[in-house]
Amino acid sequence: MPLYSFQCPDCGKETELLVAFGDTPSCPACGSVAMKRLLSRVAPHANADAAGTPCAQAARDGALASFSPSECRGCACH
């Protein structure tokens, strides 16, 4: 089941709920079923170990072409 963020228009409480498709969520604070789904924040996935490698910095600077795969030491950028 996906995790969604909701806000209750009756009491104003924001909460995250696991909701199956077609289910009607209810507010855990007041019991209202008039919940409004909020836009979810997106967290980009990044390889924390590779973030500090020289080729990762070069990729951020737009100069990745100057690095060969052997110089990247397994950061999977090539």
N, C-alpha and C. Protein backbone atom coordinates (compact mmCIF):
# COMPACT_ATOMS: atom_id res chain seq x y z
N MET A 1 0.84 -1.18 0.00
CA MET A 1 0.00 0.00 0.00
C MET A 1 0.88 1.24 0.00
N PRO A 2 0.50 2.24 -0.78
CA PRO A 2 1.29 3.48 -0.79
C PRO A 2 1.02 4.35 0.42
N LEU A 3 2.02 5.14 0.78
CA LEU A 3 1.93 6.08 1.88
C LEU A 3 1.62 7.46 1.30
N TYR A 4 0.53 8.06 1.74
CA TYR A 4 0.12 9.37 1.26
C TYR A 4 0.05 10.36 2.42
N SER A 5 0.27 11.64 2.10
CA SER A 5 0.10 12.72 3.08
C SER A 5 -1.30 13.30 2.89
N PHE A 6 -1.99 13.52 4.00
CA PHE A 6 -3.34 14.07 3.98
C PHE A 6 -3.45 15.22 4.96
N GLN A 7 -4.42 16.10 4.70
CA GLN A 7 -4.79 17.13 5.66
C GLN A 7 -6.30 17.08 5.84
N CYS A 8 -6.71 17.19 7.08
CA CYS A 8 -8.13 17.19 7.41
C CYS A 8 -8.65 18.63 7.32
N PRO A 9 -9.65 18.89 6.48
CA PRO A 9 -10.19 20.25 6.39
C PRO A 9 -11.02 20.64 7.62
N ASP A 10 -11.44 19.65 8.40
CA ASP A 10 -12.26 19.94 9.58
C ASP A 10 -11.42 20.39 10.77
N CYS A 11 -10.32 19.68 11.06
CA CYS A 11 -9.50 20.03 12.23
C CYS A 11 -8.12 20.57 11.87
N GLY A 12 -7.73 20.44 10.58
CA GLY A 12 -6.44 20.97 10.13
C GLY A 12 -5.25 20.06 10.33
N LYS A 13 -5.45 18.89 10.92
CA LYS A 13 -4.33 17.97 11.19
C LYS A 13 -3.77 17.41 9.89
N GLU A 14 -2.43 17.41 9.78
CA GLU A 14 -1.75 16.75 8.66
C GLU A 14 -1.21 15.42 9.16
N THR A 15 -1.33 14.39 8.31
CA THR A 15 -0.88 13.06 8.70
C THR A 15 -0.51 12.27 7.46
N GLU A 16 0.29 11.22 7.65
CA GLU A 16 0.62 10.29 6.58
C GLU A 16 -0.11 8.99 6.87
N LEU A 17 -0.77 8.46 5.85
CA LEU A 17 -1.55 7.24 6.02
C LEU A 17 -1.25 6.26 4.89
N LEU A 18 -1.24 4.97 5.23
CA LEU A 18 -1.17 3.91 4.23
C LEU A 18 -2.59 3.68 3.74
N VAL A 19 -2.81 3.93 2.45
CA VAL A 19 -4.17 3.85 1.92
C VAL A 19 -4.17 3.02 0.65
N ALA A 20 -4.97 1.97 0.63
CA ALA A 20 -5.13 1.16 -0.57
C ALA A 20 -6.01 1.90 -1.56
N PHE A 21 -5.82 1.62 -2.85
CA PHE A 21 -6.61 2.25 -3.89
C PHE A 21 -8.09 1.99 -3.64
N GLY A 22 -8.88 3.04 -3.67
CA GLY A 22 -10.31 2.90 -3.47
C GLY A 22 -10.77 3.05 -2.03
N ASP A 23 -9.83 3.02 -1.07
CA ASP A 23 -10.19 3.21 0.34
C ASP A 23 -10.40 4.69 0.64
N THR A 24 -11.25 4.97 1.60
CA THR A 24 -11.49 6.34 2.05
C THR A 24 -10.80 6.53 3.39
N PRO A 25 -9.77 7.39 3.42
CA PRO A 25 -9.06 7.60 4.69
C PRO A 25 -9.88 8.45 5.65
N SER A 26 -9.66 8.22 6.93
CA SER A 26 -10.32 9.05 7.94
C SER A 26 -9.26 9.70 8.83
N CYS A 27 -9.58 10.87 9.33
CA CYS A 27 -8.65 11.63 10.17
C CYS A 27 -8.45 10.91 11.50
N PRO A 28 -7.20 10.65 11.89
CA PRO A 28 -6.96 9.99 13.17
C PRO A 28 -7.28 10.89 14.37
N ALA A 29 -7.38 12.20 14.16
CA ALA A 29 -7.66 13.12 15.27
C ALA A 29 -9.15 13.30 15.52
N CYS A 30 -9.92 13.52 14.42
CA CYS A 30 -11.34 13.83 14.61
C CYS A 30 -12.29 12.83 13.95
N GLY A 31 -11.76 11.92 13.13
CA GLY A 31 -12.59 10.91 12.49
C GLY A 31 -13.24 11.33 11.19
N SER A 32 -13.00 12.55 10.73
CA SER A 32 -13.59 13.04 9.49
C SER A 32 -13.11 12.22 8.30
N VAL A 33 -13.99 12.01 7.33
CA VAL A 33 -13.61 11.29 6.11
C VAL A 33 -13.46 12.27 4.93
N ALA A 34 -13.37 13.56 5.22
CA ALA A 34 -13.21 14.58 4.19
C ALA A 34 -11.74 14.92 3.96
N MET A 35 -10.87 13.95 4.13
CA MET A 35 -9.42 14.17 4.02
C MET A 35 -9.04 14.60 2.61
N LYS A 36 -8.11 15.55 2.53
CA LYS A 36 -7.58 16.03 1.25
C LYS A 36 -6.15 15.55 1.11
N ARG A 37 -5.85 14.89 -0.02
CA ARG A 37 -4.50 14.39 -0.24
C ARG A 37 -3.59 15.55 -0.62
N LEU A 38 -2.40 15.59 -0.02
CA LEU A 38 -1.42 16.64 -0.27
C LEU A 38 -0.38 16.15 -1.27
N LEU A 39 0.28 17.08 -1.93
CA LEU A 39 1.39 16.72 -2.79
C LEU A 39 2.51 16.19 -1.92
N SER A 40 3.07 15.07 -2.32
CA SER A 40 4.15 14.46 -1.55
C SER A 40 5.48 15.09 -1.92
N ARG A 41 6.34 15.20 -0.94
CA ARG A 41 7.70 15.67 -1.20
C ARG A 41 8.50 14.50 -1.76
N VAL A 42 9.39 14.81 -2.68
CA VAL A 42 10.20 13.78 -3.30
C VAL A 42 11.64 13.92 -2.81
N ALA A 43 12.20 12.82 -2.37
CA ALA A 43 13.60 12.80 -1.95
C ALA A 43 14.41 12.12 -3.04
N PRO A 44 15.33 12.83 -3.67
CA PRO A 44 16.13 12.20 -4.73
C PRO A 44 17.02 11.12 -4.15
N HIS A 45 17.16 10.04 -4.89
CA HIS A 45 18.01 8.93 -4.47
C HIS A 45 19.43 9.22 -4.93
N ALA A 46 20.36 9.10 -4.02
CA ALA A 46 21.76 9.31 -4.38
C ALA A 46 22.62 8.30 -3.64
N ASN A 47 23.69 7.92 -4.27
CA ASN A 47 24.64 7.02 -3.64
C ASN A 47 25.56 7.86 -2.76
N ALA A 48 25.37 7.81 -1.46
CA ALA A 48 26.12 8.66 -0.53
C ALA A 48 27.62 8.38 -0.59
N ASP A 49 28.01 7.14 -0.85
CA ASP A 49 29.43 6.81 -0.90
C ASP A 49 30.12 7.45 -2.10
N ALA A 50 29.39 7.61 -3.20
CA ALA A 50 29.98 8.13 -4.42
C ALA A 50 29.84 9.64 -4.54
N ALA A 51 29.09 10.28 -3.66
CA ALA A 51 28.81 11.71 -3.78
C ALA A 51 30.06 12.57 -3.68
N GLY A 52 31.07 12.10 -2.98
CA GLY A 52 32.26 12.91 -2.80
C GLY A 52 33.42 12.54 -3.70
N THR A 53 33.24 11.64 -4.64
CA THR A 53 34.33 11.23 -5.53
C THR A 53 34.63 12.34 -6.52
N PRO A 54 35.86 12.38 -7.04
CA PRO A 54 36.21 13.41 -8.01
C PRO A 54 35.32 13.40 -9.25
N CYS A 55 34.92 12.21 -9.73
CA CYS A 55 34.08 12.20 -10.92
C CYS A 55 32.67 12.68 -10.61
N ALA A 56 32.20 12.47 -9.38
CA ALA A 56 30.88 13.00 -9.01
C ALA A 56 30.91 14.52 -9.02
N GLN A 57 31.99 15.10 -8.52
CA GLN A 57 32.13 16.56 -8.56
C GLN A 57 32.22 17.04 -10.00
N ALA A 58 32.96 16.31 -10.83
CA ALA A 58 33.08 16.68 -12.24
C ALA A 58 31.73 16.61 -12.94
N ALA A 59 30.91 15.62 -12.58
CA ALA A 59 29.58 15.51 -13.17
C ALA A 59 28.72 16.71 -12.79
N ARG A 60 28.83 17.15 -11.54
CA ARG A 60 28.08 18.33 -11.11
C ARG A 60 28.57 19.58 -11.84
N ASP A 61 29.86 19.63 -12.15
CA ASP A 61 30.44 20.79 -12.83
C ASP A 61 30.32 20.70 -14.35
N GLY A 62 29.83 19.58 -14.88
CA GLY A 62 29.67 19.41 -16.32
C GLY A 62 30.94 19.00 -17.03
N ALA A 63 31.91 18.43 -16.32
CA ALA A 63 33.19 18.06 -16.91
C ALA A 63 33.46 16.57 -16.79
N LEU A 64 32.42 15.75 -16.80
CA LEU A 64 32.58 14.31 -16.59
C LEU A 64 33.35 13.64 -17.72
N ALA A 65 33.33 14.19 -18.92
CA ALA A 65 33.99 13.56 -20.06
C ALA A 65 35.50 13.43 -19.85
N SER A 66 36.06 14.20 -18.93
CA SER A 66 37.50 14.13 -18.70
C SER A 66 37.90 12.94 -17.83
N PHE A 67 36.94 12.19 -17.31
CA PHE A 67 37.23 11.03 -16.46
C PHE A 67 36.93 9.74 -17.21
N SER A 68 37.80 8.75 -17.03
CA SER A 68 37.55 7.43 -17.60
C SER A 68 36.87 6.58 -16.54
N PRO A 69 36.18 5.49 -16.95
CA PRO A 69 35.52 4.63 -15.96
C PRO A 69 36.47 4.09 -14.90
N SER A 70 37.73 3.84 -15.26
CA SER A 70 38.68 3.31 -14.26
C SER A 70 39.03 4.36 -13.21
N GLU A 71 38.91 5.64 -13.55
CA GLU A 71 39.20 6.70 -12.58
C GLU A 71 38.06 6.93 -11.60
N CYS A 72 36.90 6.42 -11.92
CA CYS A 72 35.73 6.68 -11.07
C CYS A 72 35.65 5.76 -9.87
N ARG A 73 36.42 4.74 -9.82
CA ARG A 73 36.48 3.83 -8.67
C ARG A 73 35.12 3.28 -8.28
N GLY A 74 34.33 2.86 -9.26
CA GLY A 74 33.09 2.15 -8.96
C GLY A 74 31.91 3.01 -8.56
N CYS A 75 31.89 4.28 -8.91
CA CYS A 75 30.76 5.11 -8.50
C CYS A 75 29.57 4.98 -9.45
N ALA A 76 29.67 4.21 -10.49
CA ALA A 76 28.57 3.90 -11.42
C ALA A 76 28.10 5.11 -12.22
N CYS A 77 28.96 6.08 -12.44
CA CYS A 77 28.55 7.24 -13.24
C CYS A 77 28.73 7.00 -14.73
N HIS A 78 29.51 6.00 -15.13
CA HIS A 78 29.72 5.71 -16.55
C HIS A 78 28.92 4.49 -16.95
